[in-house]
């Protein structure tokens, strides 16, 4: 059983080498971003975890793998879909974590993100229909403060961050599509989708 799984994992890893990873993200407003960067900087200074300051604050809405030649069609689909979506407000309130490795700032209301996920199902059907893995729609939207932490650092940080307060609110008027070769690669921005 384990041998079969290892073979499947190896086959999947090989297959993913021929795909790019795409991320659909929300960037917080300038004010909210500055507040979140202060928290990330504090995390870095307190726990000496450089990962906290390596990335800009964002909320991932979806990520998926696709072949580069599918890109134009995906972007056309997404422009059509996003062009029918209303701008919406996001409130970020306090902190939580994904044990044992990630501390994040909480998005308070998921309803608008669920609506986006439902609207994006045609993109999922398109990528699956072309031999790519299913798209992942983020069911727990959040802003990562620091990830890939050791359990020890995570436990210390969660003890402190669960007692810290944070509040920011902003209007989402656009989403950004990013692309990278793998999870360790730097993302490049492909396009911006404006909401109604």
N, C-alpha and C. Protein backbone atom coordinates (compact mmCIF):
# COMPACT_ATOMS: atom_id res chain seq x y z
N UNK A 1 0.83 -1.21 0.00
CA UNK A 1 0.00 0.00 0.00
C UNK A 1 0.87 1.27 0.00
N UNK A 2 1.87 1.30 0.93
CA UNK A 2 2.73 2.49 1.00
C UNK A 2 3.53 2.66 -0.28
N UNK A 3 3.97 1.52 -0.86
CA UNK A 3 4.78 1.59 -2.06
C UNK A 3 3.96 2.21 -3.20
N UNK A 4 2.71 1.80 -3.32
CA UNK A 4 1.82 2.35 -4.34
C UNK A 4 1.63 3.84 -4.16
N UNK A 5 1.48 4.27 -2.90
CA UNK A 5 1.30 5.69 -2.62
C UNK A 5 2.55 6.47 -3.00
N UNK A 6 3.72 5.93 -2.66
CA UNK A 6 4.97 6.60 -2.99
C UNK A 6 5.10 6.75 -4.50
N UNK A 7 4.71 5.71 -5.25
CA UNK A 7 4.74 5.78 -6.70
C UNK A 7 3.80 6.84 -7.23
N UNK A 8 2.61 6.92 -6.63
CA UNK A 8 1.62 7.92 -7.03
C UNK A 8 2.13 9.32 -6.72
N UNK A 9 2.73 9.51 -5.55
CA UNK A 9 3.27 10.81 -5.16
C UNK A 9 4.39 11.22 -6.11
N UNK A 10 5.24 10.27 -6.47
CA UNK A 10 6.34 10.56 -7.40
C UNK A 10 5.80 10.93 -8.78
N UNK A 11 4.77 10.22 -9.22
CA UNK A 11 4.16 10.52 -10.52
C UNK A 11 3.53 11.91 -10.49
N UNK A 12 2.86 12.24 -9.38
CA UNK A 12 2.23 13.56 -9.24
C UNK A 12 3.30 14.65 -9.23
N UNK A 13 4.40 14.41 -8.51
CA UNK A 13 5.48 15.38 -8.44
C UNK A 13 6.07 15.61 -9.84
N UNK A 14 6.25 14.53 -10.60
CA UNK A 14 6.78 14.66 -11.97
C UNK A 14 5.81 15.45 -12.84
N UNK A 15 4.51 15.12 -12.72
CA UNK A 15 3.49 15.80 -13.53
C UNK A 15 3.46 17.29 -13.22
N UNK A 16 3.58 17.65 -11.93
CA UNK A 16 3.50 19.06 -11.54
C UNK A 16 4.69 19.87 -12.04
N UNK A 17 5.80 19.18 -12.38
CA UNK A 17 6.95 19.89 -12.94
C UNK A 17 6.60 20.51 -14.29
N UNK A 18 5.59 20.00 -14.96
CA UNK A 18 5.20 20.50 -16.28
C UNK A 18 4.10 21.54 -16.19
N UNK A 19 3.70 21.90 -14.99
CA UNK A 19 2.66 22.89 -14.76
C UNK A 19 3.24 24.11 -14.06
N UNK A 20 2.53 25.21 -14.17
CA UNK A 20 2.81 26.37 -13.34
C UNK A 20 1.74 26.43 -12.26
N UNK A 21 2.07 27.03 -11.13
CA UNK A 21 1.06 27.24 -10.10
C UNK A 21 0.56 28.67 -10.23
N UNK A 22 -0.76 28.82 -10.17
CA UNK A 22 -1.41 30.13 -10.27
C UNK A 22 -2.12 30.41 -8.95
N UNK A 23 -2.00 31.64 -8.47
CA UNK A 23 -2.66 32.04 -7.22
C UNK A 23 -3.50 33.28 -7.49
N UNK A 24 -4.75 33.22 -7.08
CA UNK A 24 -5.63 34.38 -7.16
C UNK A 24 -5.68 34.98 -5.76
N UNK A 25 -5.26 36.25 -5.63
CA UNK A 25 -5.11 36.84 -4.30
C UNK A 25 -5.76 38.21 -4.20
N UNK A 26 -6.04 38.58 -2.95
CA UNK A 26 -6.50 39.92 -2.59
C UNK A 26 -5.36 40.60 -1.86
N UNK A 27 -5.00 41.80 -2.28
CA UNK A 27 -4.02 42.59 -1.54
C UNK A 27 -4.79 43.58 -0.65
N UNK A 28 -4.48 43.65 0.64
CA UNK A 28 -5.14 44.62 1.51
C UNK A 28 -4.85 46.05 1.07
N UNK A 29 -5.67 46.98 1.51
CA UNK A 29 -5.43 48.40 1.23
C UNK A 29 -4.08 48.81 1.82
N UNK A 30 -3.59 49.98 1.42
CA UNK A 30 -2.28 50.45 1.90
C UNK A 30 -2.24 50.55 3.43
N UNK A 31 -3.31 51.07 4.03
CA UNK A 31 -3.36 51.20 5.49
C UNK A 31 -3.33 49.84 6.18
N UNK A 32 -4.20 48.93 5.71
CA UNK A 32 -4.26 47.59 6.30
C UNK A 32 -2.94 46.86 6.10
N UNK A 33 -2.35 47.03 4.92
CA UNK A 33 -1.06 46.39 4.62
C UNK A 33 0.02 46.88 5.58
N UNK A 34 0.05 48.19 5.84
CA UNK A 34 1.04 48.75 6.77
C UNK A 34 0.86 48.17 8.17
N UNK A 35 -0.40 48.06 8.62
CA UNK A 35 -0.66 47.48 9.95
C UNK A 35 -0.19 46.02 10.00
N UNK A 36 -0.49 45.27 8.95
CA UNK A 36 -0.11 43.85 8.92
C UNK A 36 1.41 43.69 8.85
N UNK A 37 2.08 44.58 8.10
CA UNK A 37 3.55 44.51 8.03
C UNK A 37 4.18 44.81 9.39
N UNK A 38 3.54 45.69 10.17
CA UNK A 38 4.04 45.95 11.53
C UNK A 38 3.99 44.67 12.36
N UNK A 39 2.90 43.90 12.22
CA UNK A 39 2.77 42.64 12.96
C UNK A 39 3.80 41.62 12.48
N UNK A 40 4.02 41.57 11.18
CA UNK A 40 5.01 40.64 10.63
C UNK A 40 6.42 41.01 11.09
N UNK A 41 6.70 42.33 11.12
CA UNK A 41 8.01 42.81 11.58
C UNK A 41 8.19 42.47 13.06
N UNK A 42 7.14 42.70 13.85
CA UNK A 42 7.19 42.36 15.28
C UNK A 42 7.47 40.87 15.46
N UNK A 43 6.80 40.03 14.66
CA UNK A 43 7.01 38.58 14.75
C UNK A 43 8.48 38.25 14.46
N UNK A 44 9.02 38.85 13.40
CA UNK A 44 10.41 38.61 13.04
C UNK A 44 11.35 39.03 14.17
N UNK A 45 11.13 40.23 14.73
CA UNK A 45 12.02 40.72 15.79
C UNK A 45 11.89 39.91 17.07
N UNK A 46 10.70 39.40 17.35
CA UNK A 46 10.48 38.65 18.60
C UNK A 46 10.95 37.21 18.50
N UNK A 47 10.68 36.56 17.36
CA UNK A 47 10.94 35.12 17.24
C UNK A 47 12.07 34.79 16.25
N UNK A 48 12.69 35.84 15.68
CA UNK A 48 13.81 35.65 14.76
C UNK A 48 13.44 34.71 13.61
N UNK A 49 12.23 34.85 13.09
CA UNK A 49 11.75 34.03 11.97
C UNK A 49 11.64 34.92 10.74
N UNK A 50 12.66 34.82 9.89
CA UNK A 50 12.74 35.67 8.69
C UNK A 50 11.54 35.47 7.75
N UNK A 51 10.94 34.29 7.79
CA UNK A 51 9.81 33.98 6.92
C UNK A 51 8.67 34.98 7.10
N UNK A 52 8.58 35.58 8.29
CA UNK A 52 7.49 36.53 8.57
C UNK A 52 7.57 37.77 7.69
N UNK A 53 8.77 38.19 7.32
CA UNK A 53 8.92 39.43 6.55
C UNK A 53 9.29 39.18 5.09
N UNK A 54 9.30 37.92 4.67
CA UNK A 54 9.68 37.61 3.29
C UNK A 54 8.56 37.87 2.29
N UNK A 55 7.31 37.89 2.74
CA UNK A 55 6.21 38.08 1.79
C UNK A 55 5.30 39.22 2.22
N UNK A 56 4.68 39.85 1.24
CA UNK A 56 3.72 40.92 1.50
C UNK A 56 2.40 40.31 1.96
N UNK A 57 1.65 41.02 2.79
CA UNK A 57 0.35 40.50 3.24
C UNK A 57 -0.61 40.33 2.07
N UNK A 58 -1.31 39.21 2.05
CA UNK A 58 -2.33 38.95 1.02
C UNK A 58 -3.29 37.88 1.53
N UNK A 59 -4.42 37.79 0.87
CA UNK A 59 -5.39 36.73 1.16
C UNK A 59 -5.50 35.89 -0.12
N UNK A 60 -5.16 34.62 -0.03
CA UNK A 60 -5.29 33.74 -1.18
C UNK A 60 -6.75 33.31 -1.30
N UNK A 61 -7.30 33.48 -2.50
CA UNK A 61 -8.69 33.09 -2.78
C UNK A 61 -8.72 31.69 -3.39
N UNK A 62 -7.78 31.43 -4.31
CA UNK A 62 -7.72 30.12 -4.99
C UNK A 62 -6.31 29.90 -5.49
N UNK A 63 -5.95 28.63 -5.62
CA UNK A 63 -4.72 28.32 -6.33
C UNK A 63 -4.94 27.05 -7.14
N UNK A 64 -4.24 26.98 -8.26
CA UNK A 64 -4.42 25.84 -9.17
C UNK A 64 -3.18 25.69 -10.03
N UNK A 65 -3.04 24.50 -10.60
CA UNK A 65 -1.94 24.22 -11.51
C UNK A 65 -2.48 24.14 -12.92
N UNK A 66 -1.71 24.66 -13.88
CA UNK A 66 -2.13 24.60 -15.28
C UNK A 66 -0.91 24.66 -16.18
N UNK A 67 -1.10 24.22 -17.41
CA UNK A 67 -0.04 24.32 -18.41
C UNK A 67 -0.01 25.76 -18.92
N UNK A 68 1.18 26.22 -19.27
CA UNK A 68 1.32 27.61 -19.68
C UNK A 68 0.45 27.96 -20.88
N UNK A 69 0.26 26.99 -21.79
CA UNK A 69 -0.54 27.28 -22.99
C UNK A 69 -2.03 27.46 -22.68
N UNK A 70 -2.45 27.14 -21.45
CA UNK A 70 -3.86 27.33 -21.03
C UNK A 70 -4.11 28.72 -20.47
N UNK A 71 -3.02 29.47 -20.26
CA UNK A 71 -3.08 30.75 -19.55
C UNK A 71 -4.07 31.75 -20.15
N UNK A 72 -4.01 31.97 -21.47
CA UNK A 72 -4.88 32.97 -22.11
C UNK A 72 -6.35 32.64 -21.89
N UNK A 73 -6.71 31.37 -22.03
CA UNK A 73 -8.11 30.97 -21.83
C UNK A 73 -8.53 31.18 -20.39
N UNK A 74 -7.66 30.80 -19.45
CA UNK A 74 -7.97 30.97 -18.02
C UNK A 74 -8.19 32.45 -17.70
N UNK A 75 -7.32 33.31 -18.22
CA UNK A 75 -7.44 34.75 -17.95
C UNK A 75 -8.74 35.30 -18.55
N UNK A 76 -9.09 34.85 -19.74
CA UNK A 76 -10.37 35.28 -20.36
C UNK A 76 -11.55 34.86 -19.49
N UNK A 77 -11.56 33.59 -19.05
CA UNK A 77 -12.62 33.09 -18.16
C UNK A 77 -12.72 33.97 -16.92
N UNK A 78 -11.56 34.23 -16.32
CA UNK A 78 -11.55 34.96 -15.04
C UNK A 78 -11.98 36.41 -15.22
N UNK A 79 -11.57 37.06 -16.33
CA UNK A 79 -12.02 38.43 -16.58
C UNK A 79 -13.54 38.47 -16.68
N UNK A 80 -14.12 37.49 -17.37
CA UNK A 80 -15.57 37.44 -17.53
C UNK A 80 -16.25 37.24 -16.16
N UNK A 81 -15.71 36.29 -15.38
CA UNK A 81 -16.29 35.97 -14.06
C UNK A 81 -16.15 37.16 -13.11
N UNK A 82 -14.95 37.72 -13.01
CA UNK A 82 -14.70 38.82 -12.06
C UNK A 82 -15.45 40.09 -12.46
N UNK A 83 -15.67 40.28 -13.75
CA UNK A 83 -16.40 41.44 -14.22
C UNK A 83 -17.85 41.46 -13.78
N UNK A 84 -18.34 40.34 -13.25
CA UNK A 84 -19.73 40.26 -12.77
C UNK A 84 -19.81 40.26 -11.25
N UNK A 85 -18.66 40.31 -10.57
CA UNK A 85 -18.64 40.26 -9.10
C UNK A 85 -18.61 41.67 -8.51
N UNK A 86 -19.34 41.84 -7.44
CA UNK A 86 -19.37 43.13 -6.74
C UNK A 86 -18.14 43.29 -5.83
N UNK A 87 -17.65 44.52 -5.72
CA UNK A 87 -16.62 44.82 -4.71
C UNK A 87 -17.21 44.50 -3.34
N UNK A 88 -16.36 44.14 -2.38
CA UNK A 88 -16.86 43.77 -1.05
C UNK A 88 -15.88 44.20 0.03
N UNK A 89 -16.40 44.28 1.25
CA UNK A 89 -15.57 44.69 2.38
C UNK A 89 -14.99 43.47 3.09
N UNK A 90 -13.77 43.64 3.58
CA UNK A 90 -13.10 42.59 4.36
C UNK A 90 -12.69 43.20 5.70
N UNK A 91 -12.97 42.48 6.77
CA UNK A 91 -12.52 42.88 8.10
C UNK A 91 -11.56 41.82 8.61
N UNK A 92 -10.41 42.28 9.08
CA UNK A 92 -9.42 41.38 9.67
C UNK A 92 -9.40 41.69 11.17
N UNK A 93 -9.58 40.62 11.97
CA UNK A 93 -9.78 40.83 13.40
C UNK A 93 -9.02 39.78 14.21
N UNK A 94 -7.98 40.23 14.91
CA UNK A 94 -7.20 39.39 15.82
C UNK A 94 -6.47 38.25 15.10
N UNK A 95 -5.96 37.28 15.87
CA UNK A 95 -5.06 36.27 15.32
C UNK A 95 -5.51 34.86 15.69
N UNK A 96 -5.06 33.92 14.91
CA UNK A 96 -5.30 32.51 15.19
C UNK A 96 -4.17 31.72 14.54
N UNK A 97 -4.32 30.40 14.47
CA UNK A 97 -3.24 29.61 13.90
C UNK A 97 -3.70 28.28 13.34
N UNK A 98 -2.86 27.72 12.47
CA UNK A 98 -3.02 26.35 11.98
C UNK A 98 -1.93 25.54 12.66
N UNK A 99 -2.29 24.76 13.70
CA UNK A 99 -1.26 23.98 14.39
C UNK A 99 -0.61 22.99 13.42
N UNK A 100 0.66 22.71 13.54
CA UNK A 100 1.63 23.32 14.47
C UNK A 100 2.57 24.28 13.76
N UNK A 101 2.14 25.01 12.70
CA UNK A 101 3.14 25.69 11.87
C UNK A 101 2.82 27.11 11.41
N UNK A 102 1.58 27.60 11.50
CA UNK A 102 1.23 28.89 10.90
C UNK A 102 0.45 29.79 11.86
N UNK A 103 0.89 31.04 11.97
CA UNK A 103 0.17 32.07 12.72
C UNK A 103 -0.41 33.02 11.68
N UNK A 104 -1.69 33.38 11.84
CA UNK A 104 -2.32 34.25 10.84
C UNK A 104 -3.27 35.26 11.48
N UNK A 105 -3.58 36.31 10.71
CA UNK A 105 -4.61 37.28 11.09
C UNK A 105 -5.92 36.80 10.49
N UNK A 106 -6.99 36.84 11.29
CA UNK A 106 -8.27 36.25 10.89
C UNK A 106 -9.10 37.17 10.01
N UNK A 107 -9.64 36.61 8.91
CA UNK A 107 -10.66 37.29 8.13
C UNK A 107 -11.98 36.96 8.82
N UNK A 108 -12.77 38.00 9.11
CA UNK A 108 -13.95 37.79 9.94
C UNK A 108 -15.11 37.11 9.22
N UNK A 109 -15.42 37.50 7.98
CA UNK A 109 -16.60 36.97 7.29
C UNK A 109 -16.17 36.31 5.98
N UNK A 110 -16.58 35.06 5.79
CA UNK A 110 -16.15 34.29 4.62
C UNK A 110 -17.14 34.36 3.45
N UNK A 111 -18.31 34.95 3.64
CA UNK A 111 -19.38 34.84 2.64
C UNK A 111 -18.95 35.28 1.24
N UNK A 112 -18.28 36.42 1.13
CA UNK A 112 -17.86 36.92 -0.19
C UNK A 112 -16.84 36.00 -0.84
N UNK A 113 -15.98 35.37 -0.02
CA UNK A 113 -14.98 34.45 -0.57
C UNK A 113 -15.65 33.16 -1.07
N UNK A 114 -16.69 32.73 -0.36
CA UNK A 114 -17.44 31.54 -0.82
C UNK A 114 -18.13 31.83 -2.14
N UNK A 115 -18.68 33.04 -2.29
CA UNK A 115 -19.33 33.42 -3.55
C UNK A 115 -18.32 33.43 -4.69
N UNK A 116 -17.13 33.95 -4.43
CA UNK A 116 -16.07 33.95 -5.45
C UNK A 116 -15.72 32.52 -5.86
N UNK A 117 -15.57 31.64 -4.87
CA UNK A 117 -15.23 30.24 -5.14
C UNK A 117 -16.30 29.60 -6.03
N UNK A 118 -17.56 29.84 -5.71
CA UNK A 118 -18.66 29.28 -6.52
C UNK A 118 -18.61 29.82 -7.95
N UNK A 119 -18.34 31.11 -8.09
CA UNK A 119 -18.29 31.73 -9.42
C UNK A 119 -17.11 31.20 -10.25
N UNK A 120 -16.04 30.76 -9.57
CA UNK A 120 -14.84 30.31 -10.26
C UNK A 120 -14.86 28.82 -10.65
N UNK A 121 -15.95 28.13 -10.39
CA UNK A 121 -16.03 26.71 -10.73
C UNK A 121 -15.74 26.41 -12.21
N UNK A 122 -16.14 27.27 -13.18
CA UNK A 122 -15.78 26.98 -14.58
C UNK A 122 -14.26 26.88 -14.80
N UNK A 123 -13.48 27.65 -14.04
CA UNK A 123 -12.02 27.56 -14.15
C UNK A 123 -11.56 26.19 -13.66
N UNK A 124 -12.14 25.73 -12.55
CA UNK A 124 -11.82 24.40 -12.02
C UNK A 124 -12.14 23.33 -13.06
N UNK A 125 -13.32 23.41 -13.68
CA UNK A 125 -13.70 22.42 -14.70
C UNK A 125 -12.72 22.44 -15.89
N UNK A 126 -12.30 23.64 -16.28
CA UNK A 126 -11.37 23.78 -17.40
C UNK A 126 -10.02 23.14 -17.09
N UNK A 127 -9.45 23.43 -15.91
CA UNK A 127 -8.12 22.87 -15.61
C UNK A 127 -8.20 21.35 -15.44
N UNK A 128 -9.25 20.85 -14.79
CA UNK A 128 -9.39 19.39 -14.63
C UNK A 128 -9.60 18.72 -15.98
N UNK A 129 -10.37 19.38 -16.85
CA UNK A 129 -10.64 18.82 -18.18
C UNK A 129 -9.41 18.76 -19.07
N UNK A 130 -8.35 19.47 -18.67
CA UNK A 130 -7.10 19.47 -19.44
C UNK A 130 -5.98 18.72 -18.72
N UNK A 131 -6.39 17.80 -17.83
CA UNK A 131 -5.41 16.91 -17.19
C UNK A 131 -4.64 17.52 -16.04
N UNK A 132 -5.12 18.62 -15.48
CA UNK A 132 -4.46 19.26 -14.34
C UNK A 132 -5.19 18.90 -13.05
N UNK A 133 -4.53 19.00 -11.91
CA UNK A 133 -5.20 18.73 -10.62
C UNK A 133 -6.34 19.72 -10.39
N UNK A 134 -7.32 19.34 -9.55
CA UNK A 134 -8.43 20.27 -9.25
C UNK A 134 -7.92 21.56 -8.60
N UNK A 135 -8.61 22.66 -8.88
CA UNK A 135 -8.28 23.94 -8.24
C UNK A 135 -8.60 23.82 -6.75
N UNK A 136 -7.85 24.57 -5.93
CA UNK A 136 -8.14 24.62 -4.49
C UNK A 136 -8.70 26.00 -4.18
N UNK A 137 -9.92 26.02 -3.68
CA UNK A 137 -10.54 27.27 -3.26
C UNK A 137 -10.37 27.35 -1.75
N UNK A 138 -9.84 28.46 -1.28
CA UNK A 138 -9.50 28.59 0.13
C UNK A 138 -10.79 28.73 0.95
N UNK A 139 -11.01 27.76 1.83
CA UNK A 139 -12.24 27.75 2.63
C UNK A 139 -12.07 28.54 3.93
N UNK A 140 -10.82 28.86 4.25
CA UNK A 140 -10.53 29.57 5.51
C UNK A 140 -9.64 30.77 5.17
N UNK A 141 -10.20 31.82 4.51
CA UNK A 141 -9.35 32.94 4.10
C UNK A 141 -8.70 33.61 5.30
N UNK A 142 -7.43 34.00 5.14
CA UNK A 142 -6.65 34.58 6.23
C UNK A 142 -5.44 35.31 5.66
N UNK A 143 -4.77 36.05 6.51
CA UNK A 143 -3.50 36.70 6.13
C UNK A 143 -2.40 36.06 6.98
N UNK A 144 -1.51 35.36 6.32
CA UNK A 144 -0.42 34.69 7.04
C UNK A 144 0.53 35.72 7.65
N UNK A 145 0.83 35.53 8.93
CA UNK A 145 1.85 36.34 9.60
C UNK A 145 3.19 35.62 9.47
N UNK A 146 3.21 34.32 9.79
CA UNK A 146 4.42 33.50 9.64
C UNK A 146 3.99 32.05 9.47
N UNK A 147 4.70 31.33 8.59
CA UNK A 147 4.36 29.92 8.36
C UNK A 147 5.62 29.07 8.36
N UNK A 148 5.42 27.78 8.26
CA UNK A 148 6.53 26.80 8.30
C UNK A 148 7.35 26.98 9.58
N UNK A 149 6.66 27.20 10.68
CA UNK A 149 7.32 27.38 11.98
C UNK A 149 7.56 26.02 12.63
N UNK A 150 8.56 25.95 13.50
CA UNK A 150 8.71 24.75 14.32
C UNK A 150 7.56 24.75 15.33
N UNK A 151 7.22 23.58 15.85
CA UNK A 151 6.14 23.47 16.84
C UNK A 151 6.46 24.33 18.07
N UNK A 152 7.71 24.39 18.45
CA UNK A 152 8.11 25.16 19.64
C UNK A 152 7.84 26.65 19.43
N UNK A 153 8.27 27.20 18.28
CA UNK A 153 8.04 28.62 18.00
C UNK A 153 6.55 28.88 17.84
N UNK A 154 5.85 27.98 17.15
CA UNK A 154 4.41 28.14 16.96
C UNK A 154 3.69 28.25 18.31
N UNK A 155 4.01 27.35 19.23
CA UNK A 155 3.33 27.35 20.54
C UNK A 155 3.61 28.63 21.32
N UNK A 156 4.86 29.09 21.31
CA UNK A 156 5.19 30.34 22.00
C UNK A 156 4.46 31.52 21.36
N UNK A 157 4.52 31.58 20.03
CA UNK A 157 3.90 32.70 19.32
C UNK A 157 2.38 32.70 19.49
N UNK A 158 1.75 31.54 19.44
CA UNK A 158 0.30 31.48 19.59
C UNK A 158 -0.13 31.90 20.98
N UNK A 159 0.66 31.55 21.98
CA UNK A 159 0.35 31.97 23.35
C UNK A 159 0.30 33.49 23.41
N UNK A 160 1.29 34.14 22.76
CA UNK A 160 1.33 35.60 22.77
C UNK A 160 0.29 36.21 21.83
N UNK A 161 0.24 35.74 20.58
CA UNK A 161 -0.63 36.37 19.59
C UNK A 161 -2.12 36.17 19.88
N UNK A 162 -2.46 35.12 20.59
CA UNK A 162 -3.88 34.92 20.94
C UNK A 162 -4.36 35.99 21.93
N UNK A 163 -3.40 36.69 22.56
CA UNK A 163 -3.75 37.75 23.51
C UNK A 163 -3.61 39.15 22.90
N UNK A 164 -3.03 39.22 21.71
CA UNK A 164 -2.87 40.51 21.03
C UNK A 164 -4.16 40.87 20.30
N UNK A 165 -4.42 42.16 20.16
CA UNK A 165 -5.60 42.58 19.40
C UNK A 165 -5.15 43.21 18.08
N UNK A 166 -6.00 43.04 17.09
CA UNK A 166 -5.72 43.60 15.76
C UNK A 166 -7.05 43.87 15.08
N UNK A 167 -7.13 44.99 14.36
CA UNK A 167 -8.33 45.28 13.59
C UNK A 167 -7.96 46.10 12.36
N UNK A 168 -8.44 45.67 11.22
CA UNK A 168 -8.29 46.43 9.98
C UNK A 168 -9.47 46.10 9.09
N UNK A 169 -9.91 47.08 8.31
CA UNK A 169 -11.03 46.85 7.41
C UNK A 169 -10.73 47.58 6.10
N UNK A 170 -11.09 46.97 4.98
CA UNK A 170 -10.83 47.60 3.68
C UNK A 170 -11.80 47.04 2.65
N UNK A 171 -11.91 47.75 1.53
CA UNK A 171 -12.79 47.33 0.44
C UNK A 171 -11.97 46.63 -0.63
N UNK A 172 -12.41 45.45 -1.06
CA UNK A 172 -11.74 44.71 -2.14
C UNK A 172 -12.37 45.16 -3.45
N UNK A 173 -11.57 45.81 -4.29
CA UNK A 173 -12.05 46.29 -5.59
C UNK A 173 -11.38 45.59 -6.76
N UNK A 174 -10.37 44.75 -6.44
CA UNK A 174 -9.68 44.01 -7.49
C UNK A 174 -9.02 42.77 -6.90
N UNK A 175 -8.81 41.80 -7.77
CA UNK A 175 -8.06 40.60 -7.40
C UNK A 175 -6.89 40.48 -8.37
N UNK A 176 -5.84 39.84 -7.92
CA UNK A 176 -4.61 39.75 -8.71
C UNK A 176 -4.29 38.28 -8.97
N UNK A 177 -3.93 37.96 -10.21
CA UNK A 177 -3.51 36.61 -10.57
C UNK A 177 -1.99 36.56 -10.62
N UNK A 178 -1.41 35.67 -9.82
CA UNK A 178 0.04 35.48 -9.75
C UNK A 178 0.40 34.12 -10.33
N UNK A 179 1.67 33.98 -10.71
CA UNK A 179 2.14 32.73 -11.31
C UNK A 179 3.53 32.42 -10.77
N UNK A 180 3.79 31.14 -10.52
CA UNK A 180 5.13 30.73 -10.12
C UNK A 180 5.38 29.30 -10.57
N UNK A 181 6.64 28.93 -10.66
CA UNK A 181 6.99 27.57 -11.11
C UNK A 181 6.72 26.55 -10.01
N UNK A 182 7.00 26.92 -8.74
CA UNK A 182 6.73 26.02 -7.60
C UNK A 182 6.60 26.87 -6.35
N UNK A 183 6.28 26.23 -5.22
CA UNK A 183 6.00 26.99 -3.99
C UNK A 183 7.19 27.75 -3.44
N UNK A 184 8.40 27.44 -3.90
CA UNK A 184 9.59 28.14 -3.41
C UNK A 184 10.04 29.24 -4.37
N UNK A 185 9.36 29.34 -5.51
CA UNK A 185 9.69 30.31 -6.53
C UNK A 185 9.03 31.65 -6.21
N UNK A 186 9.61 32.73 -6.69
CA UNK A 186 9.00 34.06 -6.50
C UNK A 186 7.84 34.19 -7.48
N UNK A 187 6.74 34.75 -6.99
CA UNK A 187 5.55 34.95 -7.85
C UNK A 187 5.74 36.14 -8.78
N UNK A 188 5.21 36.02 -9.99
CA UNK A 188 5.14 37.15 -10.90
C UNK A 188 3.67 37.47 -11.12
N UNK A 189 3.36 38.75 -11.23
CA UNK A 189 1.98 39.17 -11.43
C UNK A 189 1.61 39.04 -12.90
N UNK A 190 0.49 38.36 -13.17
CA UNK A 190 0.02 38.20 -14.55
C UNK A 190 -0.98 39.27 -14.94
N UNK A 191 -2.01 39.45 -14.11
CA UNK A 191 -3.05 40.41 -14.45
C UNK A 191 -3.85 40.80 -13.22
N UNK A 192 -4.63 41.87 -13.37
CA UNK A 192 -5.49 42.37 -12.31
C UNK A 192 -6.93 42.31 -12.80
N UNK A 193 -7.83 41.80 -11.96
CA UNK A 193 -9.25 41.73 -12.30
C UNK A 193 -10.01 42.75 -11.47
N UNK A 194 -10.67 43.70 -12.12
CA UNK A 194 -11.45 44.72 -11.42
C UNK A 194 -12.84 44.18 -11.11
N UNK A 195 -13.35 44.48 -9.92
CA UNK A 195 -14.70 44.10 -9.52
C UNK A 195 -15.64 45.27 -9.77
N UNK A 196 -16.94 44.98 -9.81
CA UNK A 196 -17.95 46.02 -10.03
C UNK A 196 -18.01 46.96 -8.82
